[in-house]
C-alpha cells in the first residue's frame, strides 16, 4: 500500500522547493510574450476540472513571464481518454500546451486500458491542485446522515463518467461501505452528472471541491441536496482519514465506515480506496507538459506557481472557488505522483476484477 504525504507536508515541500530556485535565461520577462498557452481539459464544461482551469486562467496570464493569453479548451469523450490521446499525439514540448486533468486520465493509465495511447509517466508535471470531494444525496432518498445510508426510502441511483475514470474512488467508497445502488455511467463530465441530479434522474452524486463550492453549496442551502460525507484527506500518519480542511464539518469515508461497522476499515477494499483516493485527492488536478519539455520551462512554472500562491487575490478568491488549497509545483509532486501510478499487484488485481466483472470495463 502506498502512503502519501499529507497536504501540509506537501505545502512545506513547496516552500523548500521554491526557495532555492535561480532564475535562468528562459525565465526572462518576455518568455511567453506574444504567445498563447492552451490548457486542454479532456471533459465537458461545468465540471471541477473546467471550473478550476477557468479560475486559474487569469492568474497564469498575470504571473507567467511575458503575460501570455491563456485559453481553456475542452476535448471531452471517452471519460477523458480521447482528449489525453489527442494531447499525446499533438502537443509540442514548447511549454505552450498543457493537459489539465484528473484521475479520470491516470486511472485508465494505471489499469493499462487498451484505449490509452498516452504515457503519463513520460510527461512532466507542471503543477497540481489538491482538492477534496463531497458525496451528497437528494432529500427524496430519506437519507439525513450517513447513519441512514443502508436504509434509503428509494433505490439509490448514481450518475458518473466511467468506472475507471474519476468516479473510481467514489465507486470504491460505495463498495467499501456496501451501499446498495445503481450506477449509470457515460456522462461527459461531472457537470452533466450534476445536472442529472438536479433534474431528479439520479439521487446520489459527488463533486470535487471547485464544482461543489460553486455549484452545489447553493443547492444545500436551498434544501435540494444533503451532504453526507467527504472523501477525506491524508493525515500525518499517511492514512486517508483526516477531515478535509475545506469541509471540517463533514465526516470522512473512514469515519462513516467506523460508524456503520464499529471498527476501522481494512482489507483490500480499503487499500484500493486509499490508493486511488489518495492519488485522486492529494494530486487532484494535475497539469502535464509533454514529454521532452525542457527543464527551463518546468522551472518557469515552478516560480509562477509560487507567485500565484503568494498573490493576495488568489488567496482570497480561492477560498470560495477551490477551497483555499495552494497549488503545488512539480518539485513537490513529481516523485510521489510517479509512485502513485504504480499500485501494488494485489490492489491492481482487485481493481481490474471489480471493474471487469461489475462494470463491464474492457481492460
Foldseek 3Di string as FASTA:
>chain_A
DDFDAFLVVLVVLLCVVLPPDDADPCQALQNCAPHEAEEEEQFDPQALQNLVCVVCQCLCLVQQRNSHHYHYDYNFDDLSQVSQLCCQVDADLALRYKYKYFQSLLQCVLLVFPSHPHDQLLWFWLWFFFWKKWKKFFVQQVDQELLCQQPTPDAAEAEEAACSGPCVLVVLLCVQLVGGHHYDYHHRHLRVRVVCCVVVVGTMYMGIQQSCLVPPVVCVVVRGMHTYAMQATQDNVSFRAHHDPLCNPGHHSQVSSCVNPVDGGDDLSRVLSRLSVHLRRSRPIIMIRHRPNDPSSSVSSSVSLVVLLVDPVNQVVCCRRGNNTRMRGSSSPVVVNSVSSHDDPSNSVVSVCCCCPPVVRRD
